[in-house]
Amino acid sequence: MVRTQVQLTEEQARALKKLAAEQGKSIAELIRKGVDLVIASSWATATDERISRAIALAGRFRSGLRDLSVEHDKYLAEAYRE
């Protein structure tokens, strides 16, 4: 583990100390769990953003091929041969 120093408000420190005592855990463990939640949340947001961007692009480009939805494998194979 990496040792770090964090400054908390008086209110945060009191609340963490109380919660740690209630749960029988250390303050450090609660802080690590909080950090994990923040990291997981930011990854979820990034994933949601990528999905939204992909959906926004769907249907915005035209290939000019009328049978692309049926023959997509054929066209993909031809593209890889080139």
N, C-alpha and C. Protein backbone atom coordinates (compact mmCIF):
# COMPACT_ATOMS: atom_id res chain seq x y z
N MET A 1 0.83 -1.18 0.00
CA MET A 1 0.00 0.00 0.00
C MET A 1 0.88 1.24 0.00
N VAL A 2 0.32 2.31 -0.50
CA VAL A 2 1.00 3.59 -0.54
C VAL A 2 0.45 4.46 0.58
N ARG A 3 1.33 5.04 1.33
CA ARG A 3 0.93 5.92 2.43
C ARG A 3 0.71 7.32 1.86
N THR A 4 -0.39 7.94 2.24
CA THR A 4 -0.68 9.28 1.77
C THR A 4 -1.30 10.09 2.92
N GLN A 5 -1.35 11.37 2.72
CA GLN A 5 -1.91 12.25 3.73
C GLN A 5 -3.09 12.99 3.12
N VAL A 6 -4.20 13.02 3.86
CA VAL A 6 -5.41 13.66 3.37
C VAL A 6 -5.92 14.62 4.43
N GLN A 7 -6.36 15.78 4.00
CA GLN A 7 -6.94 16.73 4.94
C GLN A 7 -8.46 16.67 4.83
N LEU A 8 -9.10 16.52 5.98
CA LEU A 8 -10.56 16.45 6.05
C LEU A 8 -11.08 17.62 6.85
N THR A 9 -12.32 17.98 6.59
CA THR A 9 -12.95 18.98 7.44
C THR A 9 -13.23 18.32 8.79
N GLU A 10 -13.46 19.14 9.79
CA GLU A 10 -13.79 18.61 11.13
C GLU A 10 -15.03 17.72 11.05
N GLU A 11 -16.00 18.16 10.30
CA GLU A 11 -17.25 17.40 10.16
C GLU A 11 -17.00 16.04 9.50
N GLN A 12 -16.20 16.03 8.43
CA GLN A 12 -15.88 14.76 7.76
C GLN A 12 -15.15 13.82 8.71
N ALA A 13 -14.19 14.35 9.46
CA ALA A 13 -13.42 13.51 10.38
C ALA A 13 -14.32 12.92 11.46
N ARG A 14 -15.22 13.73 12.02
CA ARG A 14 -16.15 13.23 13.04
C ARG A 14 -17.06 12.15 12.47
N ALA A 15 -17.61 12.41 11.30
CA ALA A 15 -18.53 11.45 10.69
C ALA A 15 -17.82 10.14 10.35
N LEU A 16 -16.61 10.23 9.82
CA LEU A 16 -15.84 9.02 9.50
C LEU A 16 -15.50 8.23 10.76
N LYS A 17 -15.11 8.92 11.80
CA LYS A 17 -14.75 8.25 13.05
C LYS A 17 -15.96 7.52 13.62
N LYS A 18 -17.12 8.17 13.59
CA LYS A 18 -18.35 7.55 14.08
C LYS A 18 -18.73 6.33 13.24
N LEU A 19 -18.68 6.50 11.92
CA LEU A 19 -19.02 5.40 11.00
C LEU A 19 -18.07 4.22 11.16
N ALA A 20 -16.79 4.51 11.30
CA ALA A 20 -15.79 3.45 11.47
C ALA A 20 -16.08 2.67 12.76
N ALA A 21 -16.41 3.38 13.83
CA ALA A 21 -16.72 2.71 15.10
C ALA A 21 -17.98 1.85 14.97
N GLU A 22 -18.99 2.37 14.31
CA GLU A 22 -20.25 1.63 14.12
C GLU A 22 -20.04 0.36 13.30
N GLN A 23 -19.17 0.46 12.30
CA GLN A 23 -18.96 -0.69 11.39
C GLN A 23 -17.79 -1.57 11.83
N GLY A 24 -17.06 -1.15 12.84
CA GLY A 24 -15.91 -1.93 13.29
C GLY A 24 -14.78 -1.95 12.27
N LYS A 25 -14.64 -0.84 11.55
CA LYS A 25 -13.60 -0.74 10.53
C LYS A 25 -12.72 0.46 10.83
N SER A 26 -11.59 0.52 10.16
CA SER A 26 -10.71 1.68 10.35
C SER A 26 -11.15 2.82 9.43
N ILE A 27 -10.77 4.02 9.81
CA ILE A 27 -11.05 5.18 8.97
C ILE A 27 -10.37 5.02 7.62
N ALA A 28 -9.15 4.48 7.63
CA ALA A 28 -8.41 4.28 6.38
C ALA A 28 -9.17 3.35 5.44
N GLU A 29 -9.77 2.29 5.99
CA GLU A 29 -10.53 1.36 5.16
C GLU A 29 -11.73 2.06 4.53
N LEU A 30 -12.42 2.87 5.31
CA LEU A 30 -13.57 3.60 4.76
C LEU A 30 -13.13 4.58 3.67
N ILE A 31 -12.00 5.24 3.87
CA ILE A 31 -11.49 6.16 2.85
C ILE A 31 -11.13 5.40 1.58
N ARG A 32 -10.47 4.24 1.71
CA ARG A 32 -10.13 3.43 0.53
C ARG A 32 -11.39 3.03 -0.23
N LYS A 33 -12.43 2.62 0.51
CA LYS A 33 -13.69 2.25 -0.15
C LYS A 33 -14.31 3.45 -0.86
N GLY A 34 -14.21 4.62 -0.24
CA GLY A 34 -14.71 5.83 -0.89
C GLY A 34 -13.96 6.14 -2.17
N VAL A 35 -12.65 5.99 -2.13
CA VAL A 35 -11.84 6.22 -3.33
C VAL A 35 -12.23 5.23 -4.43
N ASP A 36 -12.44 3.97 -4.05
CA ASP A 36 -12.87 2.96 -5.03
C ASP A 36 -14.20 3.36 -5.68
N LEU A 37 -15.12 3.88 -4.90
CA LEU A 37 -16.42 4.31 -5.43
C LEU A 37 -16.26 5.46 -6.42
N VAL A 38 -15.40 6.41 -6.10
CA VAL A 38 -15.16 7.54 -7.00
C VAL A 38 -14.56 7.07 -8.31
N ILE A 39 -13.58 6.16 -8.22
CA ILE A 39 -12.95 5.63 -9.43
C ILE A 39 -13.95 4.87 -10.28
N ALA A 40 -14.73 4.00 -9.66
CA ALA A 40 -15.73 3.21 -10.39
C ALA A 40 -16.76 4.13 -11.05
N SER A 41 -17.15 5.16 -10.35
CA SER A 41 -18.12 6.11 -10.88
C SER A 41 -17.58 6.85 -12.10
N SER A 42 -16.31 7.23 -12.05
CA SER A 42 -15.74 7.96 -13.19
C SER A 42 -15.61 7.05 -14.40
N TRP A 43 -15.28 5.77 -14.19
CA TRP A 43 -15.22 4.83 -15.31
C TRP A 43 -16.60 4.61 -15.90
N ALA A 44 -17.61 4.50 -15.06
CA ALA A 44 -18.97 4.32 -15.55
C ALA A 44 -19.40 5.53 -16.36
N THR A 45 -19.05 6.72 -15.90
CA THR A 45 -19.39 7.94 -16.63
C THR A 45 -18.69 7.96 -17.98
N ALA A 46 -17.43 7.57 -18.01
CA ALA A 46 -16.69 7.54 -19.28
C ALA A 46 -17.33 6.54 -20.24
N THR A 47 -17.74 5.39 -19.73
CA THR A 47 -18.40 4.38 -20.57
C THR A 47 -19.72 4.91 -21.08
N ASP A 48 -20.51 5.53 -20.22
CA ASP A 48 -21.79 6.11 -20.64
C ASP A 48 -21.58 7.17 -21.72
N GLU A 49 -20.53 7.97 -21.57
CA GLU A 49 -20.24 9.00 -22.56
C GLU A 49 -19.89 8.37 -23.92
N ARG A 50 -19.08 7.32 -23.91
CA ARG A 50 -18.71 6.65 -25.18
C ARG A 50 -19.95 6.05 -25.84
N ILE A 51 -20.83 5.45 -25.05
CA ILE A 51 -22.05 4.86 -25.59
C ILE A 51 -22.93 5.94 -26.20
N SER A 52 -23.08 7.06 -25.51
CA SER A 52 -23.90 8.17 -26.01
C SER A 52 -23.34 8.71 -27.32
N ARG A 53 -22.02 8.84 -27.39
CA ARG A 53 -21.40 9.34 -28.62
C ARG A 53 -21.58 8.37 -29.78
N ALA A 54 -21.47 7.07 -29.50
CA ALA A 54 -21.66 6.07 -30.55
C ALA A 54 -23.10 6.09 -31.06
N ILE A 55 -24.04 6.19 -30.16
CA ILE A 55 -25.46 6.23 -30.56
C ILE A 55 -25.73 7.48 -31.40
N ALA A 56 -25.14 8.60 -31.02
CA ALA A 56 -25.34 9.84 -31.76
C ALA A 56 -24.81 9.73 -33.20
N LEU A 57 -23.78 8.91 -33.40
CA LEU A 57 -23.20 8.76 -34.75
C LEU A 57 -23.95 7.75 -35.62
N ALA A 58 -24.72 6.89 -35.00
CA ALA A 58 -25.43 5.84 -35.75
C ALA A 58 -26.33 6.46 -36.81
N GLY A 59 -26.19 5.96 -38.03
CA GLY A 59 -27.02 6.41 -39.13
C GLY A 59 -26.59 7.72 -39.77
N ARG A 60 -25.48 8.28 -39.37
CA ARG A 60 -25.06 9.58 -39.91
C ARG A 60 -24.22 9.45 -41.17
N PHE A 61 -23.84 8.24 -41.53
CA PHE A 61 -22.98 8.05 -42.70
C PHE A 61 -23.67 7.11 -43.68
N ARG A 62 -23.43 7.31 -44.94
CA ARG A 62 -24.04 6.50 -45.99
C ARG A 62 -22.95 5.83 -46.82
N SER A 63 -23.13 4.54 -47.08
CA SER A 63 -22.16 3.81 -47.90
C SER A 63 -22.52 3.87 -49.37
N GLY A 64 -23.78 4.13 -49.66
CA GLY A 64 -24.23 4.11 -51.05
C GLY A 64 -24.62 2.71 -51.50
N LEU A 65 -24.45 1.73 -50.66
CA LEU A 65 -24.80 0.35 -51.00
C LEU A 65 -26.18 0.05 -50.44
N ARG A 66 -27.06 -0.45 -51.30
CA ARG A 66 -28.43 -0.71 -50.87
C ARG A 66 -28.58 -2.03 -50.12
N ASP A 67 -27.61 -2.93 -50.28
CA ASP A 67 -27.73 -4.25 -49.64
C ASP A 67 -26.70 -4.45 -48.51
N LEU A 68 -26.18 -3.39 -47.99
CA LEU A 68 -25.13 -3.49 -46.97
C LEU A 68 -25.59 -4.25 -45.73
N SER A 69 -26.82 -4.02 -45.29
CA SER A 69 -27.29 -4.69 -44.07
C SER A 69 -27.39 -6.20 -44.25
N VAL A 70 -27.60 -6.66 -45.49
CA VAL A 70 -27.71 -8.09 -45.77
C VAL A 70 -26.35 -8.68 -46.11
N GLU A 71 -25.55 -7.97 -46.87
CA GLU A 71 -24.28 -8.47 -47.39
C GLU A 71 -23.05 -7.91 -46.68
N HIS A 72 -23.20 -7.50 -45.43
CA HIS A 72 -22.08 -6.85 -44.73
C HIS A 72 -20.85 -7.74 -44.63
N ASP A 73 -21.03 -9.06 -44.44
CA ASP A 73 -19.87 -9.96 -44.36
C ASP A 73 -19.10 -9.98 -45.67
N LYS A 74 -19.81 -10.00 -46.77
CA LYS A 74 -19.16 -10.01 -48.08
C LYS A 74 -18.34 -8.73 -48.28
N TYR A 75 -18.93 -7.59 -47.96
CA TYR A 75 -18.22 -6.32 -48.14
C TYR A 75 -17.02 -6.21 -47.19
N LEU A 76 -17.15 -6.73 -45.99
CA LEU A 76 -16.05 -6.69 -45.04
C LEU A 76 -14.89 -7.56 -45.55
N ALA A 77 -15.21 -8.76 -46.04
CA ALA A 77 -14.17 -9.64 -46.59
C ALA A 77 -13.46 -8.98 -47.77
N GLU A 78 -14.23 -8.31 -48.63
CA GLU A 78 -13.62 -7.63 -49.77
C GLU A 78 -12.70 -6.50 -49.30
N ALA A 79 -13.09 -5.79 -48.28
CA ALA A 79 -12.28 -4.67 -47.77
C ALA A 79 -10.97 -5.20 -47.20
N TYR A 80 -11.00 -6.35 -46.53
CA TYR A 80 -9.77 -6.90 -45.95
C TYR A 80 -8.84 -7.46 -47.04
N ARG A 81 -9.39 -7.89 -48.17
CA ARG A 81 -8.55 -8.39 -49.25
C ARG A 81 -7.79 -7.26 -49.93
N GLU A 82 -8.31 -6.06 -49.87
CA GLU A 82 -7.69 -4.92 -50.57
C GLU A 82 -6.43 -4.47 -49.91
